[in-house]
Structures are given as C-alpha cells and as structure tokens.
Amino acid sequence: MDKFKDMGTIVGGKVESGTVKLNQSLIIMPNQSKVEVIGIEVDDEPTQFARCGDNVLLKLKGVEEEEVSTGFVICHPSAPVRTTKVFDAQLIILDFKNILCAGYTAVMHVHTLVEEVQIAVSPSAPPPLFRVDCPINFLCCFSLTGAEASD
C-alpha cells in the first residue's frame, strides 16, 4: 500500500482477495486504525467497488497520512491479518562463506519489509529449524515450513 495526501488520505495498492465497496468500514493493519472507504478508483476511473486483482486508489476517512506506511494492509474488521515478531523458519543456505549459528544477525526481506533480524535455535523443533526474532511487528501474509504466527 502506498499513500498520497489529496483532500483526504488516499492509499494505493492491489486488492489481493475479496472486494472493496464504497462506504465500507475496514481496518488498517498492523496499527488497527478503523477507516471508511469514501472513494475508489480503478484504472483512473471512479467506481463503486473493486475486486480481487484490481490496482486501486482508495480515499479513506478516519486516518491521517502519517498513520499509514508502505506495506500496511487494509482488511475487514472481522478477519484482520495476523502480525508476528517471532516465527520458525527452515533455512536453506546456498554458498555462504561465514559461520551461521545462534545469535547471527541478518537482513530479512519480506514484501516491502526490510529489517535486521537475529537467528536463534528453535527449542521446539529438531535442526535445521531456527527461530527468527524481528524487532518490529510485521504482517504475516505468508507461510514458511513450521511457521508459527502470534497475535
């Protein structure tokens, strides 16, 4: 999701699933801001709704531009996307010259998130399962082998 300031807060992105309708109440994750859709544009044309696969601009009421960041997700209040700071991941290392062990820090790239994380040995699974500790909450919109998301 990208953002613009033009007579209100306008965000842009792709509808990944479901539909978005005019005057619909939604929430922005991960900060859980409640918003109302007061305008929809698909392909630079105003419309009453947008469906899965459409690239949209949404004019929102109830949120300021400063409260929205690239990578945030708009979803229905009854089914908010989950966030997590810790997850289990099975790593496959290709052509890595350094020693990788518990405490190693790396840069994780997930969708629009770029964050330094720390690798730890997962006590709940046999090797080579590692626990990844991220200093911020990020949206868990993907699945990894042995992934565990927490609210």
Protein backbone atom coordinates (compact mmCIF):
# COMPACT_ATOMS: atom_id res chain seq x y z
CA MET A 1 0.00 0.00 0.00
CA ASP A 2 1.29 3.45 -0.91
CA LYS A 3 -0.15 6.74 0.36
CA PHE A 4 -0.96 10.20 -1.00
CA LYS A 5 -2.40 13.38 0.51
CA ASP A 6 -5.05 14.96 -1.73
CA MET A 7 -8.18 16.29 0.00
CA GLY A 8 -8.03 13.36 2.44
CA THR A 9 -5.87 10.29 2.77
CA ILE A 10 -5.50 8.31 -0.44
CA VAL A 11 -3.79 4.92 -0.45
CA GLY A 12 -2.97 2.76 -3.42
CA GLY A 13 -2.33 -0.92 -3.87
CA LYS A 14 -3.69 -4.17 -5.20
CA VAL A 15 -6.79 -5.97 -3.98
CA GLU A 16 -5.32 -9.36 -3.03
CA SER A 17 -8.61 -11.05 -2.11
CA GLY A 18 -12.29 -10.22 -1.83
CA THR A 19 -13.83 -6.90 -2.81
CA VAL A 20 -13.77 -3.30 -1.59
CA LYS A 21 -17.01 -1.28 -1.70
CA LEU A 22 -17.78 2.40 -1.34
CA ASN A 23 -18.70 3.37 2.27
CA GLN A 24 -17.31 0.07 3.59
CA SER A 25 -15.77 0.08 7.09
CA LEU A 26 -12.33 -1.55 7.20
CA ILE A 27 -9.20 -1.56 9.36
CA ILE A 28 -5.56 -0.86 8.51
CA MET A 29 -3.08 -3.36 9.91
CA PRO A 30 -0.82 -3.54 11.83
CA ASN A 31 -1.90 -0.37 13.71
CA GLN A 32 -5.62 -1.37 13.67
CA SER A 33 -6.90 2.06 12.58
CA LYS A 34 -10.60 2.00 11.69
CA VAL A 35 -11.32 3.62 8.32
CA GLU A 36 -14.21 4.16 5.92
CA VAL A 37 -13.79 3.99 2.15
CA ILE A 38 -15.19 7.25 0.71
CA GLY A 39 -13.76 6.91 -2.80
CA ILE A 40 -12.49 4.16 -5.12
CA GLU A 41 -10.56 4.48 -8.39
CA VAL A 42 -9.66 1.57 -10.65
CA ASP A 43 -7.53 2.40 -13.71
CA ASP A 44 -8.00 6.14 -13.03
CA GLU A 45 -11.82 5.76 -13.21
CA PRO A 46 -14.08 6.35 -10.18
CA THR A 47 -16.11 3.25 -9.33
CA GLN A 48 -18.42 1.84 -6.66
CA PHE A 49 -16.31 -1.27 -5.94
CA ALA A 50 -13.04 -3.06 -6.70
CA ARG A 51 -12.43 -6.78 -6.89
CA CYS A 52 -9.54 -9.18 -6.49
CA GLY A 53 -6.67 -8.33 -8.84
CA ASP A 54 -7.59 -4.65 -9.32
CA ASN A 55 -4.96 -1.96 -8.74
CA VAL A 56 -6.83 0.68 -6.76
CA LEU A 57 -6.64 4.09 -5.18
CA LEU A 58 -8.80 4.32 -2.05
CA LYS A 59 -9.80 7.59 -0.42
CA LEU A 60 -10.13 6.93 3.31
CA LYS A 61 -11.86 8.69 6.18
CA GLY A 62 -10.64 8.13 9.73
CA VAL A 63 -6.88 8.02 9.24
CA GLU A 64 -4.17 10.60 8.66
CA GLU A 65 -1.37 10.21 6.12
CA GLU A 66 1.23 9.99 8.91
CA GLU A 67 -0.51 6.90 10.35
CA VAL A 68 -0.07 4.87 7.13
CA SER A 69 3.18 3.34 5.89
CA THR A 70 4.13 1.43 2.78
CA GLY A 71 3.39 -2.25 3.33
CA PHE A 72 0.36 -1.78 5.60
CA VAL A 73 -2.66 -3.92 4.73
CA ILE A 74 -6.34 -2.91 4.65
CA CYS A 75 -8.66 -5.70 5.71
CA HIS A 76 -12.13 -6.45 7.00
CA PRO A 77 -12.52 -5.93 10.78
CA SER A 78 -13.79 -9.49 11.27
CA ALA A 79 -10.69 -11.02 9.63
CA PRO A 80 -7.62 -8.88 10.40
CA VAL A 81 -4.31 -10.10 9.03
CA ARG A 82 -2.08 -11.56 11.75
CA THR A 83 1.17 -9.95 12.83
CA THR A 84 4.19 -11.51 14.49
CA LYS A 85 7.63 -10.71 15.90
CA VAL A 86 8.87 -14.31 16.12
CA PHE A 87 8.44 -17.18 13.67
CA ASP A 88 10.07 -20.51 12.93
CA ALA A 89 11.70 -20.95 9.53
CA GLN A 90 13.63 -23.76 7.90
CA LEU A 91 16.68 -22.21 6.26
CA ILE A 92 18.41 -23.49 3.15
CA ILE A 93 21.86 -21.92 2.86
CA LEU A 94 23.42 -21.67 -0.60
CA ASP A 95 27.08 -20.67 -1.00
CA PHE A 96 27.52 -18.90 2.36
CA LYS A 97 31.16 -18.40 3.42
CA ASN A 98 30.59 -17.38 7.08
CA ILE A 99 29.63 -19.46 10.10
CA LEU A 100 25.90 -19.39 10.80
CA CYS A 101 24.88 -20.08 14.40
CA ALA A 102 22.54 -18.82 17.11
CA GLY A 103 22.95 -15.07 17.57
CA TYR A 104 23.78 -14.40 13.92
CA THR A 105 22.12 -11.24 12.59
CA ALA A 106 20.90 -10.92 9.02
CA VAL A 107 18.69 -8.63 6.96
CA MET A 108 15.26 -10.09 6.19
CA HIS A 109 13.33 -9.01 3.09
CA VAL A 110 9.61 -9.86 3.11
CA HIS A 111 7.38 -8.00 0.64
CA THR A 112 8.12 -4.33 1.49
CA LEU A 113 9.70 -5.07 4.88
CA VAL A 114 13.48 -4.83 5.21
CA GLU A 115 14.51 -5.46 8.80
CA GLU A 116 17.55 -6.72 10.70
CA VAL A 117 16.71 -9.98 12.48
CA GLN A 118 18.54 -12.34 14.80
CA ILE A 119 18.77 -16.09 14.26
CA ALA A 120 18.22 -18.35 17.29
CA VAL A 121 17.96 -22.11 17.64
CA SER A 122 14.34 -23.16 17.99
CA PRO A 123 13.81 -25.21 21.17
CA SER A 124 10.58 -26.65 19.77
CA ALA A 125 11.92 -28.40 16.67
CA PRO A 126 14.83 -30.53 15.51
CA PRO A 127 17.63 -28.97 13.44
CA PRO A 128 17.79 -27.25 10.98
CA LEU A 129 14.78 -25.27 12.27
CA PHE A 130 15.70 -21.79 13.52
CA ARG A 131 13.72 -19.09 15.33
CA VAL A 132 13.82 -15.62 13.76
CA ASP A 133 13.42 -12.66 16.13
CA CYS A 134 12.33 -9.41 14.46
CA PRO A 135 12.42 -6.15 16.48
CA ILE A 136 9.12 -4.90 14.99
CA ASN A 137 5.68 -6.38 14.36
CA PHE A 138 5.32 -7.26 10.72
CA LEU A 139 2.44 -8.68 8.75
CA CYS A 140 2.48 -12.46 8.46
CA CYS A 141 0.97 -12.81 4.98
CA PHE A 142 2.99 -15.87 4.01
CA SER A 143 3.68 -19.34 5.30
CA LEU A 144 7.03 -20.94 5.99
CA THR A 145 7.83 -24.51 6.96
CA GLY A 146 6.95 -24.74 10.64
CA ALA A 147 5.69 -21.13 10.78
CA GLU A 148 4.04 -20.02 13.98
CA ALA A 149 2.36 -16.60 13.94
CA SER A 150 1.19 -14.89 17.10
CA ASP A 151 -1.27 -12.06 17.58
